[in-house]
Amino acid sequence: MKKGPLMQDMFTKEELDSLVAKNNMERKLVNEAIKKLGNLTNVKELAKYTSMSKSTIYNLIDLDMIFVYKALGGKRIIIFTESIVNIFRS
Protein backbone atom coordinates (compact mmCIF):
# COMPACT_ATOMS: atom_id res chain seq x y z
CA MET A 1 0.00 0.00 0.00
CA LYS A 2 1.31 3.41 -0.96
CA LYS A 3 1.32 6.23 1.54
CA GLY A 4 -0.26 9.53 0.58
CA PRO A 5 -2.69 12.15 1.77
CA LEU A 6 -5.46 11.22 -0.68
CA MET A 7 -7.19 7.88 -1.07
CA GLN A 8 -6.50 7.83 -4.83
CA ASP A 9 -2.79 8.22 -4.04
CA MET A 10 -2.82 5.28 -1.63
CA PHE A 11 -4.40 2.57 -3.78
CA THR A 12 -4.24 1.35 -7.36
CA LYS A 13 -7.11 1.97 -9.77
CA GLU A 14 -8.03 -1.73 -9.55
CA GLU A 15 -8.21 -1.55 -5.77
CA LEU A 16 -10.38 1.56 -5.87
CA ASP A 17 -12.63 -0.05 -8.51
CA SER A 18 -13.16 -3.03 -6.20
CA LEU A 19 -14.79 -0.67 -3.68
CA VAL A 20 -17.65 0.11 -6.04
CA ALA A 21 -20.77 -1.81 -5.07
CA LYS A 22 -21.68 -4.05 -7.99
CA ASN A 23 -25.34 -4.63 -7.14
CA ASN A 24 -28.14 -3.48 -4.82
CA MET A 25 -27.26 -6.00 -2.11
CA GLU A 26 -23.65 -4.77 -1.96
CA ARG A 27 -24.82 -1.14 -1.93
CA LYS A 28 -27.16 -1.89 0.97
CA LEU A 29 -24.41 -3.73 2.86
CA VAL A 30 -21.95 -0.87 2.44
CA ASN A 31 -24.52 1.80 3.33
CA GLU A 32 -25.51 -0.06 6.52
CA ALA A 33 -21.89 -0.52 7.53
CA ILE A 34 -21.11 3.15 6.97
CA LYS A 35 -24.22 4.13 8.91
CA LYS A 36 -23.09 2.01 11.90
CA LEU A 37 -19.30 2.44 11.69
CA GLY A 38 -18.74 5.67 9.78
CA ASN A 39 -16.49 5.97 6.72
CA LEU A 40 -13.48 4.95 8.80
CA THR A 41 -13.32 2.37 11.55
CA ASN A 42 -10.86 0.23 13.49
CA VAL A 43 -10.19 -3.49 13.88
CA LYS A 44 -12.11 -3.83 17.14
CA GLU A 45 -15.27 -2.14 15.85
CA LEU A 46 -15.22 -4.02 12.52
CA ALA A 47 -14.74 -7.33 14.31
CA LYS A 48 -17.72 -6.57 16.53
CA TYR A 49 -19.87 -5.44 13.57
CA THR A 50 -19.08 -8.51 11.43
CA SER A 51 -18.97 -11.01 14.34
CA MET A 52 -15.47 -11.98 13.21
CA SER A 53 -12.46 -12.29 15.47
CA LYS A 54 -9.85 -9.55 15.48
CA SER A 55 -7.29 -12.07 14.19
CA THR A 56 -9.56 -12.80 11.21
CA ILE A 57 -9.78 -9.07 10.47
CA TYR A 58 -5.97 -8.80 10.65
CA ASN A 59 -5.67 -11.79 8.27
CA LEU A 60 -8.05 -10.12 5.80
CA ILE A 61 -5.96 -6.96 6.02
CA ASP A 62 -2.80 -8.98 5.32
CA LEU A 63 -4.54 -10.51 2.28
CA ASP A 64 -5.38 -6.97 1.05
CA MET A 65 -9.09 -7.73 1.20
CA ILE A 66 -9.69 -4.85 3.61
CA PHE A 67 -8.11 -1.50 2.80
CA VAL A 68 -6.42 0.34 5.60
CA TYR A 69 -4.34 3.39 6.30
CA LYS A 70 -1.51 3.11 8.75
CA ALA A 71 0.12 6.38 9.74
CA LEU A 72 3.87 6.45 9.22
CA GLY A 73 5.57 5.21 12.36
CA GLY A 74 2.23 4.52 13.99
CA LYS A 75 0.63 1.27 15.01
CA ARG A 76 -2.96 2.39 14.71
CA ILE A 77 -4.79 0.86 11.75
CA ILE A 78 -7.61 2.85 10.18
CA ILE A 79 -9.98 0.80 8.03
CA PHE A 80 -11.89 2.19 5.06
CA THR A 81 -15.35 0.82 5.90
CA GLU A 82 -16.37 0.67 2.24
CA SER A 83 -13.72 -1.98 1.61
CA ILE A 84 -15.57 -4.61 3.66
CA VAL A 85 -17.59 -5.35 0.54
CA ASN A 86 -14.54 -7.39 -0.57
CA ILE A 87 -14.99 -9.75 2.38
CA PHE A 88 -18.42 -10.82 1.25
CA ARG A 89 -17.45 -11.30 -2.38
CA SER A 90 -15.06 -14.15 -1.60
PDB file of N, CA and C in Angstrom:
ATOM      1  N   MET A   1       0.845  -1.176   0.000  1.00  0.00           N
ATOM      2  CA  MET A   1       0.000   0.000   0.000  1.00  0.00           C
ATOM      3  C   MET A   1       0.887   1.233   0.000  1.00  0.00           C
ATOM      4  N   LYS A   2       0.578   2.155  -0.898  1.00  0.00           N
ATOM      5  CA  LYS A   2       1.308   3.415  -0.965  1.00  0.00           C
ATOM      6  C   LYS A   2       0.821   4.362   0.117  1.00  0.00           C
ATOM      7  N   LYS A   3       1.699   5.212   0.562  1.00  0.00           N
ATOM      8  CA  LYS A   3       1.315   6.230   1.539  1.00  0.00           C
ATOM      9  C   LYS A   3       1.048   7.527   0.794  1.00  0.00           C
ATOM     10  N   GLY A   4       0.048   8.254   1.206  1.00  0.00           N
ATOM     11  CA  GLY A   4      -0.258   9.533   0.584  1.00  0.00           C
ATOM     12  C   GLY A   4      -1.436  10.173   1.265  1.00  0.00           C
ATOM     13  N   PRO A   5      -1.619  11.458   1.075  1.00  0.00           N
ATOM     14  CA  PRO A   5      -2.693  12.153   1.768  1.00  0.00           C
ATOM     15  C   PRO A   5      -4.081  11.868   1.201  1.00  0.00           C
ATOM     16  N   LEU A   6      -4.166  11.447  -0.057  1.00  0.00           N
ATOM     17  CA  LEU A   6      -5.465  11.221  -0.676  1.00  0.00           C
ATOM     18  C   LEU A   6      -5.665   9.743  -0.968  1.00  0.00           C
ATOM     19  N   MET A   7      -6.906   9.289  -0.863  1.00  0.00           N
ATOM     20  CA  MET A   7      -7.190   7.876  -1.074  1.00  0.00           C
ATOM     21  C   MET A   7      -6.710   7.415  -2.453  1.00  0.00           C
ATOM     22  N   GLN A   8      -6.911   8.241  -3.495  1.00  0.00           N
ATOM     23  CA  GLN A   8      -6.500   7.827  -4.826  1.00  0.00           C
ATOM     24  C   GLN A   8      -4.985   7.723  -4.956  1.00  0.00           C
ATOM     25  N   ASP A   9      -4.249   8.345  -4.042  1.00  0.00           N
ATOM     26  CA  ASP A   9      -2.791   8.224  -4.043  1.00  0.00           C
ATOM     27  C   ASP A   9      -2.331   6.980  -3.294  1.00  0.00           C
ATOM     28  N   MET A  10      -3.193   6.405  -2.483  1.00  0.00           N
ATOM     29  CA  MET A  10      -2.816   5.285  -1.632  1.00  0.00           C
ATOM     30  C   MET A  10      -3.064   3.928  -2.275  1.00  0.00           C
ATOM     31  N   PHE A  11      -3.999   3.850  -3.213  1.00  0.00           N
ATOM     32  CA  PHE A  11      -4.403   2.574  -3.777  1.00  0.00           C
ATOM     33  C   PHE A  11      -4.347   2.618  -5.301  1.00  0.00           C
ATOM     34  N   THR A  12      -4.228   1.444  -5.905  1.00  0.00           N
ATOM     35  CA  THR A  12      -4.236   1.353  -7.359  1.00  0.00           C
ATOM     36  C   THR A  12      -5.655   1.556  -7.873  1.00  0.00           C
ATOM     37  N   LYS A  13      -5.781   1.805  -9.163  1.00  0.00           N
ATOM     38  CA  LYS A  13      -7.108   1.969  -9.771  1.00  0.00           C
ATOM     39  C   LYS A  13      -7.938   0.698  -9.581  1.00  0.00           C
ATOM     40  N   GLU A  14      -7.311  -0.461  -9.713  1.00  0.00           N
ATOM     41  CA  GLU A  14      -8.029  -1.734  -9.546  1.00  0.00           C
ATOM     42  C   GLU A  14      -8.564  -1.877  -8.124  1.00  0.00           C
ATOM     43  N   GLU A  15      -7.761  -1.479  -7.157  1.00  0.00           N
ATOM     44  CA  GLU A  15      -8.210  -1.553  -5.769  1.00  0.00           C
ATOM     45  C   GLU A  15      -9.381  -0.604  -5.529  1.00  0.00           C
ATOM     46  N   LEU A  16      -9.282   0.607  -6.045  1.00  0.00           N
ATOM     47  CA  LEU A  16     -10.385   1.558  -5.873  1.00  0.00           C
ATOM     48  C   LEU A  16     -11.638   1.078  -6.591  1.00  0.00           C
ATOM     49  N   ASP A  17     -11.476   0.477  -7.776  1.00  0.00           N
ATOM     50  CA  ASP A  17     -12.625  -0.049  -8.512  1.00  0.00           C
ATOM     51  C   ASP A  17     -13.321  -1.164  -7.738  1.00  0.00           C
ATOM     52  N   SER A  18     -12.551  -1.929  -6.954  1.00  0.00           N
ATOM     53  CA  SER A  18     -13.155  -3.027  -6.196  1.00  0.00           C
ATOM     54  C   SER A  18     -14.067  -2.519  -5.083  1.00  0.00           C
ATOM     55  N   LEU A  19     -13.939  -1.245  -4.727  1.00  0.00           N
ATOM     56  CA  LEU A  19     -14.788  -0.667  -3.683  1.00  0.00           C
ATOM     57  C   LEU A  19     -16.176  -0.311  -4.185  1.00  0.00           C
ATOM     58  N   VAL A  20     -16.349  -0.275  -5.485  1.00  0.00           N
ATOM     59  CA  VAL A  20     -17.646   0.106  -6.045  1.00  0.00           C
ATOM     60  C   VAL A  20     -18.618  -1.059  -5.878  1.00  0.00           C
ATOM     61  N   ALA A  21     -19.738  -0.783  -5.244  1.00  0.00           N
ATOM     62  CA  ALA A  21     -20.772  -1.809  -5.069  1.00  0.00           C
ATOM     63  C   ALA A  21     -21.277  -2.234  -6.445  1.00  0.00           C
ATOM     64  N   LYS A  22     -21.333  -3.528  -6.669  1.00  0.00           N
ATOM     65  CA  LYS A  22     -21.685  -4.049  -7.988  1.00  0.00           C
ATOM     66  C   LYS A  22     -23.173  -4.359  -8.147  1.00  0.00           C
ATOM     67  N   ASN A  23     -23.905  -4.369  -7.053  1.00  0.00           N
ATOM     68  CA  ASN A  23     -25.343  -4.635  -7.142  1.00  0.00           C
ATOM     69  C   ASN A  23     -26.035  -4.003  -5.932  1.00  0.00           C
ATOM     70  N   ASN A  24     -27.357  -4.098  -5.905  1.00  0.00           N
ATOM     71  CA  ASN A  24     -28.135  -3.477  -4.821  1.00  0.00           C
ATOM     72  C   ASN A  24     -27.808  -4.063  -3.452  1.00  0.00           C
ATOM     73  N   MET A  25     -27.569  -5.363  -3.393  1.00  0.00           N
ATOM     74  CA  MET A  25     -27.261  -5.996  -2.112  1.00  0.00           C
ATOM     75  C   MET A  25     -25.930  -5.454  -1.554  1.00  0.00           C
ATOM     76  N   GLU A  26     -24.924  -5.325  -2.411  1.00  0.00           N
ATOM     77  CA  GLU A  26     -23.652  -4.770  -1.961  1.00  0.00           C
ATOM     78  C   GLU A  26     -23.799  -3.311  -1.532  1.00  0.00           C
ATOM     79  N   ARG A  27     -24.573  -2.535  -2.290  1.00  0.00           N
ATOM     80  CA  ARG A  27     -24.816  -1.135  -1.927  1.00  0.00           C
ATOM     81  C   ARG A  27     -25.479  -1.032  -0.557  1.00  0.00           C
ATOM     82  N   LYS A  28     -26.462  -1.890  -0.320  1.00  0.00           N
ATOM     83  CA  LYS A  28     -27.165  -1.891   0.966  1.00  0.00           C
ATOM     84  C   LYS A  28     -26.211  -2.277   2.093  1.00  0.00           C
ATOM     85  N   LEU A  29     -25.394  -3.286   1.869  1.00  0.00           N
ATOM     86  CA  LEU A  29     -24.412  -3.733   2.860  1.00  0.00           C
ATOM     87  C   LEU A  29     -23.450  -2.605   3.219  1.00  0.00           C
ATOM     88  N   VAL A  30     -22.902  -1.952   2.211  1.00  0.00           N
ATOM     89  CA  VAL A  30     -21.946  -0.866   2.441  1.00  0.00           C
ATOM     90  C   VAL A  30     -22.616   0.303   3.150  1.00  0.00           C
ATOM     91  N   ASN A  31     -23.808   0.673   2.704  1.00  0.00           N
ATOM     92  CA  ASN A  31     -24.518   1.797   3.335  1.00  0.00           C
ATOM     93  C   ASN A  31     -24.822   1.524   4.801  1.00  0.00           C
ATOM     94  N   GLU A  32     -25.241   0.311   5.120  1.00  0.00           N
ATOM     95  CA  GLU A  32     -25.512  -0.062   6.520  1.00  0.00           C
ATOM     96  C   GLU A  32     -24.239  -0.003   7.357  1.00  0.00           C
ATOM     97  N   ALA A  33     -23.159  -0.524   6.799  1.00  0.00           N
ATOM     98  CA  ALA A  33     -21.887  -0.519   7.532  1.00  0.00           C
ATOM     99  C   ALA A  33     -21.420   0.905   7.789  1.00  0.00           C
ATOM    100  N   ILE A  34     -21.527   1.758   6.793  1.00  0.00           N
ATOM    101  CA  ILE A  34     -21.110   3.148   6.967  1.00  0.00           C
ATOM    102  C   ILE A  34     -22.006   3.855   7.975  1.00  0.00           C
ATOM    103  N   LYS A  35     -23.298   3.541   7.946  1.00  0.00           N
ATOM    104  CA  LYS A  35     -24.224   4.132   8.913  1.00  0.00           C
ATOM    105  C   LYS A  35     -23.833   3.757  10.347  1.00  0.00           C
ATOM    106  N   LYS A  36     -23.440   2.497  10.555  1.00  0.00           N
ATOM    107  CA  LYS A  36     -23.089   2.010  11.897  1.00  0.00           C
ATOM    108  C   LYS A  36     -21.665   2.377  12.318  1.00  0.00           C
ATOM    109  N   LEU A  37     -20.716   2.302  11.360  1.00  0.00           N
ATOM    110  CA  LEU A  37     -19.304   2.444  11.695  1.00  0.00           C
ATOM    111  C   LEU A  37     -18.689   3.775  11.273  1.00  0.00           C
ATOM    112  N   GLY A  38     -19.340   4.471  10.359  1.00  0.00           N
ATOM    113  CA  GLY A  38     -18.737   5.670   9.776  1.00  0.00           C
ATOM    114  C   GLY A  38     -17.867   5.276   8.589  1.00  0.00           C
ATOM    115  N   ASN A  39     -17.327   6.255   7.894  1.00  0.00           N
ATOM    116  CA  ASN A  39     -16.488   5.972   6.719  1.00  0.00           C
ATOM    117  C   ASN A  39     -15.180   5.289   7.096  1.00  0.00           C
ATOM    118  N   LEU A  40     -14.719   5.551   8.300  1.00  0.00           N
ATOM    119  CA  LEU A  40     -13.481   4.953   8.796  1.00  0.00           C
ATOM    120  C   LEU A  40     -13.781   4.239  10.109  1.00  0.00           C
ATOM    121  N   THR A  41     -13.109   3.115  10.314  1.00  0.00           N
ATOM    122  CA  THR A  41     -13.321   2.371  11.549  1.00  0.00           C
ATOM    123  C   THR A  41     -12.005   1.745  11.985  1.00  0.00           C
ATOM    124  N   ASN A  42     -12.062   0.914  13.019  1.00  0.00           N
ATOM    125  CA  ASN A  42     -10.858   0.232  13.486  1.00  0.00           C
ATOM    126  C   ASN A  42     -11.127  -1.268  13.573  1.00  0.00           C
ATOM    127  N   VAL A  43     -10.093  -2.025  13.858  1.00  0.00           N
ATOM    128  CA  VAL A  43     -10.192  -3.489  13.876  1.00  0.00           C
ATOM    129  C   VAL A  43     -11.228  -3.958  14.894  1.00  0.00           C
ATOM    130  N   LYS A  44     -11.192  -3.401  16.080  1.00  0.00           N
ATOM    131  CA  LYS A  44     -12.108  -3.835  17.143  1.00  0.00           C
ATOM    132  C   LYS A  44     -13.564  -3.626  16.741  1.00  0.00           C
ATOM    133  N   GLU A  45     -13.887  -2.447  16.233  1.00  0.00           N
ATOM    134  CA  GLU A  45     -15.273  -2.143  15.851  1.00  0.00           C
ATOM    135  C   GLU A  45     -15.735  -2.985  14.658  1.00  0.00           C
ATOM    136  N   LEU A  46     -14.848  -3.194  13.673  1.00  0.00           N
ATOM    137  CA  LEU A  46     -15.218  -4.017  12.520  1.00  0.00           C
ATOM    138  C   LEU A  46     -15.420  -5.466  12.930  1.00  0.00           C
ATOM    139  N   ALA A  47     -14.578  -5.961  13.825  1.00  0.00           N
ATOM    140  CA  ALA A  47     -14.743  -7.333  14.311  1.00  0.00           C
ATOM    141  C   ALA A  47     -16.087  -7.494  15.006  1.00  0.00           C
ATOM    142  N   LYS A  48     -16.436  -6.521  15.828  1.00  0.00           N
ATOM    143  CA  LYS A  48     -17.719  -6.567  16.527  1.00  0.00           C
ATOM    144  C   LYS A  48     -18.883  -6.508  15.525  1.00  0.00           C
ATOM    145  N   TYR A  49     -18.788  -5.620  14.547  1.00  0.00           N
ATOM    146  CA  TYR A  49     -19.866  -5.441  13.565  1.00  0.00           C
ATOM    147  C   TYR A  49     -20.072  -6.698  12.714  1.00  0.00           C
ATOM    148  N   THR A  50     -18.981  -7.345  12.320  1.00  0.00           N
ATOM    149  CA  THR A  50     -19.078  -8.513  11.433  1.00  0.00           C
ATOM    150  C   THR A  50     -19.155  -9.837  12.187  1.00  0.00           C
ATOM    151  N   SER A  51     -19.027  -9.798  13.512  1.00  0.00           N
ATOM    152  CA  SER A  51     -18.968 -11.010  14.342  1.00  0.00           C
ATOM    153  C   SER A  51     -17.789 -11.899  13.960  1.00  0.00           C
ATOM    154  N   MET A  52     -16.707 -11.269  13.520  1.00  0.00           N
ATOM    155  CA  MET A  52     -15.468 -11.983  13.211  1.00  0.00           C
ATOM    156  C   MET A  52     -14.473 -11.682  14.327  1.00  0.00           C
ATOM    157  N   SER A  53     -13.502 -12.552  14.477  1.00  0.00           N
ATOM    158  CA  SER A  53     -12.465 -12.292  15.474  1.00  0.00           C
ATOM    159  C   SER A  53     -11.520 -11.211  14.957  1.00  0.00           C
ATOM    160  N   LYS A  54     -10.831 -10.565  15.877  1.00  0.00           N
ATOM    161  CA  LYS A  54      -9.854  -9.552  15.476  1.00  0.00           C
ATOM    162  C   LYS A  54      -8.744 -10.188  14.638  1.00  0.00           C
ATOM    163  N   SER A  55      -8.357 -11.412  14.971  1.00  0.00           N
ATOM    164  CA  SER A  55      -7.294 -12.069  14.187  1.00  0.00           C
ATOM    165  C   SER A  55      -7.752 -12.328  12.749  1.00  0.00           C
ATOM    166  N   THR A  56      -9.027 -12.632  12.566  1.00  0.00           N
ATOM    167  CA  THR A  56      -9.560 -12.802  11.208  1.00  0.00           C
ATOM    168  C   THR A  56      -9.494 -11.481  10.449  1.00  0.00           C
ATOM    169  N   ILE A  57      -9.853 -10.391  11.109  1.00  0.00           N
ATOM    170  CA  ILE A  57      -9.781  -9.075  10.467  1.00  0.00           C
ATOM    171  C   ILE A  57      -8.338  -8.773  10.075  1.00  0.00           C
ATOM    172  N   TYR A  58      -7.381  -9.029  10.972  1.00  0.00           N
ATOM    173  CA  TYR A  58      -5.972  -8.803  10.650  1.00  0.00           C
ATOM    174  C   TYR A  58      -5.532  -9.664   9.468  1.00  0.00           C
ATOM    175  N   ASN A  59      -5.999 -10.916   9.404  1.00  0.00           N
ATOM    176  CA  ASN A  59      -5.665 -11.791   8.273  1.00  0.00           C
ATOM    177  C   ASN A  59      -6.219 -11.222   6.967  1.00  0.00           C
ATOM    178  N   LEU A  60      -7.450 -10.715   7.004  1.00  0.00           N
ATOM    179  CA  LEU A  60      -8.053 -10.124   5.804  1.00  0.00           C
ATOM    180  C   LEU A  60      -7.293  -8.873   5.373  1.00  0.00           C
ATOM    181  N   ILE A  61      -6.790  -8.132   6.333  1.00  0.00           N
ATOM    182  CA  ILE A  61      -5.959  -6.962   6.018  1.00  0.00           C
ATOM    183  C   ILE A  61      -4.669  -7.426   5.349  1.00  0.00           C
ATOM    184  N   ASP A  62      -4.047  -8.455   5.903  1.00  0.00           N
ATOM    185  CA  ASP A  62      -2.803  -8.984   5.323  1.00  0.00           C
ATOM    186  C   ASP A  62      -3.010  -9.515   3.909  1.00  0.00           C
ATOM    187  N   LEU A  63      -4.209 -10.010   3.619  1.00  0.00           N
ATOM    188  CA  LEU A  63      -4.542 -10.514   2.284  1.00  0.00           C
ATOM    189  C   LEU A  63      -4.992  -9.395   1.344  1.00  0.00           C
ATOM    190  N   ASP A  64      -4.947  -8.153   1.823  1.00  0.00           N
ATOM    191  CA  ASP A  64      -5.379  -6.970   1.055  1.00  0.00           C
ATOM    192  C   ASP A  64      -6.851  -7.020   0.667  1.00  0.00           C
ATOM    193  N   MET A  65      -7.651  -7.694   1.457  1.00  0.00           N
ATOM    194  CA  MET A  65      -9.094  -7.730   1.205  1.00  0.00           C
ATOM    195  C   MET A  65      -9.795  -6.555   1.875  1.00  0.00           C
ATOM    196  N   ILE A  66      -9.181  -6.020   2.913  1.00  0.00           N
ATOM    197  CA  ILE A  66      -9.693  -4.845   3.608  1.00  0.00           C
ATOM    198  C   ILE A  66      -8.637  -3.762   3.458  1.00  0.00           C
ATOM    199  N   PHE A  67      -9.048  -2.587   3.026  1.00  0.00           N
ATOM    200  CA  PHE A  67      -8.107  -1.501   2.797  1.00  0.00           C
ATOM    201  C   PHE A  67      -7.960  -0.665   4.053  1.00  0.00           C
ATOM    202  N   VAL A  68      -6.717  -0.390   4.369  1.00  0.00           N
ATOM    203  CA  VAL A  68      -6.416   0.338   5.596  1.00  0.00           C
ATOM    204  C   VAL A  68      -5.424   1.464   5.321  1.00  0.00           C
ATOM    205  N   TYR A  69      -5.367   2.348   6.282  1.00  0.00           N
ATOM    206  CA  TYR A  69      -4.339   3.386   6.305  1.00  0.00           C
ATOM    207  C   TYR A  69      -3.618   3.239   7.625  1.00  0.00           C
ATOM    208  N   LYS A  70      -2.318   3.195   7.546  1.00  0.00           N
ATOM    209  CA  LYS A  70      -1.509   3.108   8.754  1.00  0.00           C
ATOM    210  C   LYS A  70      -0.567   4.296   8.724  1.00  0.00           C
ATOM    211  N   ALA A  71      -0.711   5.183   9.687  1.00  0.00           N
ATOM    212  CA  ALA A  71       0.123   6.376   9.738  1.00  0.00           C
ATOM    213  C   ALA A  71       1.591   5.979   9.843  1.00  0.00           C
ATOM    214  N   LEU A  72       2.441   6.741   9.178  1.00  0.00           N
ATOM    215  CA  LEU A  72       3.870   6.455   9.224  1.00  0.00           C
ATOM    216  C   LEU A  72       4.355   6.424  10.667  1.00  0.00           C
ATOM    217  N   GLY A  73       5.024   5.350  11.020  1.00  0.00           N
ATOM    218  CA  GLY A  73       5.565   5.206  12.361  1.00  0.00           C
ATOM    219  C   GLY A  73       4.536   4.825  13.411  1.00  0.00           C
ATOM    220  N   GLY A  74       3.279   4.824  13.030  1.00  0.00           N
ATOM    221  CA  GLY A  74       2.230   4.520  13.992  1.00  0.00           C
ATOM    222  C   GLY A  74       1.792   3.073  13.923  1.00  0.00           C
ATOM    223  N   LYS A  75       1.139   2.632  14.971  1.00  0.00           N
ATOM    224  CA  LYS A  75       0.632   1.266  15.013  1.00  0.00           C
ATOM    225  C   LYS A  75      -0.863   1.217  14.775  1.00  0.00           C
ATOM    226  N   ARG A  76      -1.513   2.352  14.851  1.00  0.00           N
ATOM    227  CA  ARG A  76      -2.964   2.386  14.707  1.00  0.00           C
ATOM    228  C   ARG A  76      -3.369   2.129  13.256  1.00  0.00           C
ATOM    229  N   ILE A  77      -4.295   1.213  13.079  1.00  0.00           N
ATOM    230  CA  ILE A  77      -4.791   0.862  11.751  1.00  0.00           C
ATOM    231  C   ILE A  77      -6.171   1.486  11.578  1.00  0.00           C
ATOM    232  N   ILE A  78      -6.320   2.237  10.516  1.00  0.00           N
ATOM    233  CA  ILE A  78      -7.609   2.852  10.185  1.00  0.00           C
ATOM    234  C   ILE A  78      -8.152   2.127   8.963  1.00  0.00           C
ATOM    235  N   ILE A  79      -9.367   1.600   9.094  1.00  0.00           N
ATOM    236  CA  ILE A  79      -9.981   0.798   8.031  1.00  0.00           C
ATOM    237  C   ILE A  79     -10.974   1.654   7.253  1.00  0.00           C
ATOM    238  N   PHE A  80     -10.902   1.558   5.924  1.00  0.00           N
ATOM    239  CA  PHE A  80     -11.892   2.186   5.065  1.00  0.00           C
ATOM    240  C   PHE A  80     -13.112   1.255   5.046  1.00  0.00           C
ATOM    241  N   THR A  81     -14.165   1.670   5.713  1.00  0.00           N
ATOM    242  CA  THR A  81     -15.347   0.822   5.899  1.00  0.00           C
ATOM    243  C   THR A  81     -15.879   0.280   4.579  1.00  0.00           C
ATOM    244  N   GLU A  82     -15.843   1.088   3.543  1.00  0.00           N
ATOM    245  CA  GLU A  82     -16.367   0.669   2.243  1.00  0.00           C
ATOM    246  C   GLU A  82     -15.694  -0.603   1.726  1.00  0.00           C
ATOM    247  N   SER A  83     -14.462  -0.835   2.138  1.00  0.00           N
ATOM    248  CA  SER A  83     -13.722  -1.983   1.612  1.00  0.00           C
ATOM    249  C   SER A  83     -14.217  -3.324   2.149  1.00  0.00           C
ATOM    250  N   ILE A  84     -15.099  -3.310   3.137  1.00  0.00           N
ATOM    251  CA  ILE A  84     -15.571  -4.607   3.658  1.00  0.00           C
ATOM    252  C   ILE A  84     -16.410  -5.358   2.636  1.00  0.00           C
ATOM    253  N   VAL A  85     -16.840  -4.669   1.591  1.00  0.00           N
ATOM    254  CA  VAL A  85     -17.587  -5.350   0.536  1.00  0.00           C
ATOM    255  C   VAL A  85     -16.749  -6.490  -0.048  1.00  0.00           C
ATOM    256  N   ASN A  86     -15.433  -6.344  -0.038  1.00  0.00           N
ATOM    257  CA  ASN A  86     -14.543  -7.387  -0.568  1.00  0.00           C
ATOM    258  C   ASN A  86     -14.598  -8.681   0.244  1.00  0.00           C
ATOM    259  N   ILE A  87     -14.899  -8.580   1.529  1.00  0.00           N
ATOM    260  CA  ILE A  87     -14.994  -9.755   2.381  1.00  0.00           C
ATOM    261  C   ILE A  87     -16.118 -10.663   1.899  1.00  0.00           C
ATOM    262  N   PHE A  88     -17.221 -10.054   1.569  1.00  0.00           N
ATOM    263  CA  PHE A  88     -18.424 -10.820   1.255  1.00  0.00           C
ATOM    264  C   PHE A  88     -18.460 -11.292  -0.199  1.00  0.00           C
ATOM    265  N   ARG A  89     -17.534 -10.833  -0.998  1.00  0.00           N
ATOM    266  CA  ARG A  89     -17.455 -11.304  -2.377  1.00  0.00           C
ATOM    267  C   ARG A  89     -16.712 -12.617  -2.488  1.00  0.00           C
ATOM    268  N   SER A  90     -15.908 -12.932  -1.518  1.00  0.00           N
ATOM    269  CA  SER A  90     -15.058 -14.150  -1.602  1.00  0.00           C
ATOM    270  C   SER A  90     -15.853 -15.387  -1.311  1.00  0.00           C
TER     271      SER A  90
END
